[in-house]
Each structure stands twice: as structure tokens, then as C-alpha cells.
Amino acid sequence: MDKFTIMEQVKIKVLDFTENPGPRYIRQDKVGESTSGEAFYLQILNEAFAQAYKDNKQLVLELDGVSGYPSSFLDEAIGELVFDFTLEIVEKYLDFDTHMYKRRVAQVKEETYPQWEERRKNKEDVVHSSIENNEIYYINENGELDRRALYGNS
């Protein structure tokens, strides 16, 4: 498939997760809330992206409808996606739908993508807050979709 071939798309909305995107980490969420970029990645985005990848569909992340984005929310959520799936795969299988947050998308593509790809190449650890689900999807050394346990900091 060349880059001009249109893939079937599947869409998820950040608004379905939270109206008020919050901090970077789960441990920074207010008690009883789940609004962090880390929570969005671990609870929604990782699995949705893995399913789109398996189905050879493009995942479209709809950003509009929320109150706004702290830069750390998208940096964590999208950055972890790059870390776990590689920049090449994320660029192919992820797109954004927004009228209000085009600058945030540009920031993600210009800053988050390369920073997290560098972290991935350097094999840095990503430490997570304690959560119930302790496995996520990722692309293993053989280029295959796999699952692994999270590195936690309990």
C-alpha cells in the first residue's frame, strides 16, 4: 500500500473519555477522576490503536469538544503511542480530526513524535502509575504486535 492509498478509518473521541483533559500522569489526577494523558493512553488509545493496526485501518483521534488540552496530556498519550508502536507506524495509522486544536496537533507532530521516537530508540523505560490493567500492546523486536506488562512505580 503506497502513501496515497486511502485506508478505512475508525474514529475515537477524546470527549468520550473526558470533557476536561487533565495532567500527564494518573497519579496527578484528582481522586475519583480519570482525566490524565496516561489514563487515556492506557485505558483507551493503546487498545484502539492496536485494533486499528490489526485491522489495517487508520485511527482518527477527534480532539474537538473538550475544554482544552494541557500540552502534557497529548504529549503523554501520543508519545507513549510512538514509544510502543514506532514513529513510522503511528504516522501511517494515526490521524487527527480537529478544527480547534490544529496548533496542538502541529506541536505533537513536530515535538512529541521525534522526542518519544528517540526515547524508544534509546530503549528508555517508561514508568507508569499503578493501574488495574497491567498489560499493553506494543510492536516487539520482530516487528509484530504483542502484549507486555507495564513498568509500574506502584
C-alpha atoms as a PDB file:
ATOM      1  CA  MET A   1       0.000   0.000   0.000  1.00  0.00           C
ATOM      2  CA  ASP A   2       1.521   3.313  -1.010  1.00  0.00           C
ATOM      3  CA  LYS A   3       1.060   6.509   0.947  1.00  0.00           C
ATOM      4  CA  PHE A   4      -1.672   7.718  -1.404  1.00  0.00           C
ATOM      5  CA  THR A   5      -3.945   4.741  -0.786  1.00  0.00           C
ATOM      6  CA  ILE A   6      -6.857   5.702   1.451  1.00  0.00           C
ATOM      7  CA  MET A   7      -7.354   3.381   4.406  1.00  0.00           C
ATOM      8  CA  GLU A   8     -10.678   2.722   6.002  1.00  0.00           C
ATOM      9  CA  GLN A   9     -10.902   4.806   9.153  1.00  0.00           C
ATOM     10  CA  VAL A  10     -12.189   4.302  12.661  1.00  0.00           C
ATOM     11  CA  LYS A  11     -12.718   7.294  14.943  1.00  0.00           C
ATOM     12  CA  ILE A  12     -12.457   7.782  18.681  1.00  0.00           C
ATOM     13  CA  LYS A  13     -13.241  10.987  20.545  1.00  0.00           C
ATOM     14  CA  VAL A  14     -11.308  12.335  23.488  1.00  0.00           C
ATOM     15  CA  LEU A  15     -14.654  13.806  24.586  1.00  0.00           C
ATOM     16  CA  ASP A  16     -15.939  10.257  25.158  1.00  0.00           C
ATOM     17  CA  PHE A  17     -13.135   9.864  27.714  1.00  0.00           C
ATOM     18  CA  THR A  18     -13.306  13.288  29.394  1.00  0.00           C
ATOM     19  CA  GLU A  19     -14.629  16.785  28.825  1.00  0.00           C
ATOM     20  CA  ASN A  20     -11.652  18.227  30.701  1.00  0.00           C
ATOM     21  CA  PRO A  21      -8.342  16.633  29.690  1.00  0.00           C
ATOM     22  CA  GLY A  22      -6.030  16.793  32.653  1.00  0.00           C
ATOM     23  CA  PRO A  23      -2.428  16.255  33.690  1.00  0.00           C
ATOM     24  CA  ARG A  24       0.265  13.973  32.304  1.00  0.00           C
ATOM     25  CA  TYR A  25       0.072  11.116  34.840  1.00  0.00           C
ATOM     26  CA  ILE A  26      -2.651   9.115  36.561  1.00  0.00           C
ATOM     27  CA  ARG A  27      -1.027   9.857  39.905  1.00  0.00           C
ATOM     28  CA  GLN A  28      -1.725  13.561  39.237  1.00  0.00           C
ATOM     29  CA  ASP A  29      -5.452  13.010  38.634  1.00  0.00           C
ATOM     30  CA  LYS A  30      -7.826  14.277  41.282  1.00  0.00           C
ATOM     31  CA  VAL A  31      -9.183  11.483  43.464  1.00  0.00           C
ATOM     32  CA  GLY A  32     -12.065   9.772  41.685  1.00  0.00           C
ATOM     33  CA  GLU A  33     -11.232  11.302  38.284  1.00  0.00           C
ATOM     34  CA  SER A  34      -9.534   9.808  35.272  1.00  0.00           C
ATOM     35  CA  THR A  35      -8.525  12.689  33.022  1.00  0.00           C
ATOM     36  CA  SER A  36      -4.766  12.281  32.518  1.00  0.00           C
ATOM     37  CA  GLY A  37      -2.971  11.628  29.258  1.00  0.00           C
ATOM     38  CA  GLU A  38      -1.522   8.467  30.769  1.00  0.00           C
ATOM     39  CA  ALA A  39      -5.006   7.191  31.700  1.00  0.00           C
ATOM     40  CA  PHE A  40      -6.339   7.991  28.218  1.00  0.00           C
ATOM     41  CA  TYR A  41      -3.463   6.087  26.653  1.00  0.00           C
ATOM     42  CA  LEU A  42      -3.681   3.061  28.922  1.00  0.00           C
ATOM     43  CA  GLN A  43      -7.487   2.833  29.112  1.00  0.00           C
ATOM     44  CA  ILE A  44      -8.471   3.830  25.556  1.00  0.00           C
ATOM     45  CA  LEU A  45      -5.824   4.729  22.995  1.00  0.00           C
ATOM     46  CA  ASN A  46      -3.419   1.773  23.260  1.00  0.00           C
ATOM     47  CA  GLU A  47      -6.091  -0.832  22.608  1.00  0.00           C
ATOM     48  CA  ALA A  48      -7.961   1.233  19.993  1.00  0.00           C
ATOM     49  CA  PHE A  49      -4.743   1.818  18.069  1.00  0.00           C
ATOM     50  CA  ALA A  50      -3.716  -1.845  18.294  1.00  0.00           C
ATOM     51  CA  GLN A  51      -7.116  -2.882  16.932  1.00  0.00           C
ATOM     52  CA  ALA A  52      -6.876  -0.386  14.060  1.00  0.00           C
ATOM     53  CA  TYR A  53      -3.383  -1.662  13.279  1.00  0.00           C
ATOM     54  CA  LYS A  54      -4.581  -5.304  13.314  1.00  0.00           C
ATOM     55  CA  ASP A  55      -7.480  -4.392  11.044  1.00  0.00           C
ATOM     56  CA  ASN A  56      -5.269  -2.247   8.780  1.00  0.00           C
ATOM     57  CA  LYS A  57      -7.428   0.812   9.431  1.00  0.00           C
ATOM     58  CA  GLN A  58      -6.436   4.344  10.276  1.00  0.00           C
ATOM     59  CA  LEU A  59      -7.393   5.512  13.749  1.00  0.00           C
ATOM     60  CA  VAL A  60      -8.697   9.080  13.738  1.00  0.00           C
ATOM     61  CA  LEU A  61      -8.487  10.861  17.064  1.00  0.00           C
ATOM     62  CA  GLU A  62     -11.160  13.545  17.321  1.00  0.00           C
ATOM     63  CA  LEU A  63      -9.893  16.318  19.568  1.00  0.00           C
ATOM     64  CA  ASP A  64     -12.717  18.866  19.453  1.00  0.00           C
ATOM     65  CA  GLY A  65     -15.488  19.246  22.027  1.00  0.00           C
ATOM     66  CA  VAL A  66     -13.317  19.367  25.149  1.00  0.00           C
ATOM     67  CA  SER A  67     -12.445  22.371  27.307  1.00  0.00           C
ATOM     68  CA  GLY A  68      -8.809  22.451  26.182  1.00  0.00           C
ATOM     69  CA  TYR A  69      -5.578  20.466  26.330  1.00  0.00           C
ATOM     70  CA  PRO A  70      -2.667  20.840  28.665  1.00  0.00           C
ATOM     71  CA  SER A  71       0.308  20.081  26.405  1.00  0.00           C
ATOM     72  CA  SER A  72       1.314  17.288  28.779  1.00  0.00           C
ATOM     73  CA  PHE A  73      -1.940  15.356  28.131  1.00  0.00           C
ATOM     74  CA  LEU A  74      -1.290  14.883  24.411  1.00  0.00           C
ATOM     75  CA  ASP A  75       2.452  14.560  24.883  1.00  0.00           C
ATOM     76  CA  GLU A  76       1.954  11.606  27.229  1.00  0.00           C
ATOM     77  CA  ALA A  77      -0.862   9.891  25.329  1.00  0.00           C
ATOM     78  CA  ILE A  78       0.561  10.267  21.823  1.00  0.00           C
ATOM     79  CA  GLY A  79       4.158   9.995  22.977  1.00  0.00           C
ATOM     80  CA  GLU A  80       3.533   6.615  24.547  1.00  0.00           C
ATOM     81  CA  LEU A  81       1.880   5.521  21.312  1.00  0.00           C
ATOM     82  CA  VAL A  82       5.071   6.371  19.394  1.00  0.00           C
ATOM     83  CA  PHE A  83       7.147   4.659  22.075  1.00  0.00           C
ATOM     84  CA  ASP A  84       5.148   1.429  21.894  1.00  0.00           C
ATOM     85  CA  PHE A  85       4.394   1.280  18.156  1.00  0.00           C
ATOM     86  CA  THR A  86       7.246   3.240  16.456  1.00  0.00           C
ATOM     87  CA  LEU A  87       7.040   6.595  14.740  1.00  0.00           C
ATOM     88  CA  GLU A  88       6.674   5.017  11.300  1.00  0.00           C
ATOM     89  CA  ILE A  89       3.591   3.020  12.311  1.00  0.00           C
ATOM     90  CA  VAL A  90       1.985   5.916  14.211  1.00  0.00           C
ATOM     91  CA  GLU A  91       2.437   8.272  11.261  1.00  0.00           C
ATOM     92  CA  LYS A  92       0.747   5.725   8.995  1.00  0.00           C
ATOM     93  CA  TYR A  93      -2.087   4.582  11.271  1.00  0.00           C
ATOM     94  CA  LEU A  94      -2.975   7.708  13.291  1.00  0.00           C
ATOM     95  CA  ASP A  95      -4.656  10.880  12.117  1.00  0.00           C
ATOM     96  CA  PHE A  96      -6.302  13.766  13.929  1.00  0.00           C
ATOM     97  CA  ASP A  97      -9.660  15.420  13.388  1.00  0.00           C
ATOM     98  CA  THR A  98      -9.847  18.955  14.784  1.00  0.00           C
ATOM     99  CA  HIS A  99     -10.852  22.468  13.907  1.00  0.00           C
ATOM    100  CA  MET A 100      -9.968  23.951  17.300  1.00  0.00           C
ATOM    101  CA  TYR A 101      -6.636  22.308  18.145  1.00  0.00           C
ATOM    102  CA  LYS A 102      -4.558  22.425  14.956  1.00  0.00           C
ATOM    103  CA  ARG A 103      -1.657  24.047  16.842  1.00  0.00           C
ATOM    104  CA  ARG A 104      -1.673  21.193  19.356  1.00  0.00           C
ATOM    105  CA  VAL A 105      -1.544  18.661  16.509  1.00  0.00           C
ATOM    106  CA  ALA A 106       1.397  20.526  14.938  1.00  0.00           C
ATOM    107  CA  GLN A 107       3.138  20.523  18.323  1.00  0.00           C
ATOM    108  CA  VAL A 108       2.582  16.772  18.661  1.00  0.00           C
ATOM    109  CA  LYS A 109       3.990  16.069  15.200  1.00  0.00           C
ATOM    110  CA  GLU A 110       6.934  18.476  15.470  1.00  0.00           C
ATOM    111  CA  GLU A 111       7.950  17.878  19.103  1.00  0.00           C
ATOM    112  CA  THR A 112       6.280  14.835  20.666  1.00  0.00           C
ATOM    113  CA  TYR A 113       6.838  12.431  17.767  1.00  0.00           C
ATOM    114  CA  PRO A 114      10.617  12.922  17.494  1.00  0.00           C
ATOM    115  CA  GLN A 115      11.210  13.119  21.270  1.00  0.00           C
ATOM    116  CA  TRP A 116       9.385   9.882  22.012  1.00  0.00           C
ATOM    117  CA  GLU A 117      10.864   8.103  18.985  1.00  0.00           C
ATOM    118  CA  GLU A 118      14.299   8.978  20.376  1.00  0.00           C
ATOM    119  CA  ARG A 119      13.298   7.586  23.777  1.00  0.00           C
ATOM    120  CA  ARG A 120      12.125   4.397  22.061  1.00  0.00           C
ATOM    121  CA  LYS A 121      15.363   4.015  20.095  1.00  0.00           C
ATOM    122  CA  ASN A 122      17.367   4.591  23.274  1.00  0.00           C
ATOM    123  CA  LYS A 123      15.303   1.867  24.988  1.00  0.00           C
ATOM    124  CA  GLU A 124      14.411   4.138  27.898  1.00  0.00           C
ATOM    125  CA  ASP A 125      11.937   2.829  30.465  1.00  0.00           C
ATOM    126  CA  VAL A 126       8.510   4.392  30.665  1.00  0.00           C
ATOM    127  CA  VAL A 127       7.309   4.146  34.243  1.00  0.00           C
ATOM    128  CA  HIS A 128       3.564   4.116  34.772  1.00  0.00           C
ATOM    129  CA  SER A 129       1.293   4.941  37.647  1.00  0.00           C
ATOM    130  CA  SER A 130      -0.386   1.967  39.272  1.00  0.00           C
ATOM    131  CA  ILE A 131      -3.416   0.827  37.309  1.00  0.00           C
ATOM    132  CA  GLU A 132      -5.698  -2.196  37.183  1.00  0.00           C
ATOM    133  CA  ASN A 133      -4.859  -3.311  33.635  1.00  0.00           C
ATOM    134  CA  ASN A 134      -1.203  -4.210  33.676  1.00  0.00           C
ATOM    135  CA  GLU A 135      -0.622  -5.125  30.026  1.00  0.00           C
ATOM    136  CA  ILE A 136      -0.446  -3.036  26.880  1.00  0.00           C
ATOM    137  CA  TYR A 137       0.049  -3.652  23.180  1.00  0.00           C
ATOM    138  CA  TYR A 138       3.334  -2.798  21.505  1.00  0.00           C
ATOM    139  CA  ILE A 139       5.455  -3.724  18.495  1.00  0.00           C
ATOM    140  CA  ASN A 140       8.139  -6.214  19.520  1.00  0.00           C
ATOM    141  CA  GLU A 141      11.712  -6.529  18.180  1.00  0.00           C
ATOM    142  CA  ASN A 142      10.437  -8.740  15.331  1.00  0.00           C
ATOM    143  CA  GLY A 143       8.026  -6.016  14.197  1.00  0.00           C
ATOM    144  CA  GLU A 144       4.986  -7.940  15.405  1.00  0.00           C
ATOM    145  CA  LEU A 145       2.091  -6.774  17.537  1.00  0.00           C
ATOM    146  CA  ASP A 146       2.500  -8.186  21.032  1.00  0.00           C
ATOM    147  CA  ARG A 147       1.487  -7.512  24.655  1.00  0.00           C
ATOM    148  CA  ARG A 148       3.735  -6.794  27.610  1.00  0.00           C
ATOM    149  CA  ALA A 149       3.433  -5.957  31.257  1.00  0.00           C
ATOM    150  CA  LEU A 150       3.685  -2.324  32.238  1.00  0.00           C
ATOM    151  CA  TYR A 151       6.597  -0.995  34.193  1.00  0.00           C
ATOM    152  CA  GLY A 152       4.898   0.336  37.292  1.00  0.00           C
ATOM    153  CA  ASN A 153       6.037   2.550  40.101  1.00  0.00           C
ATOM    154  CA  SER A 154       3.304   1.346  42.467  1.00  0.00           C
END
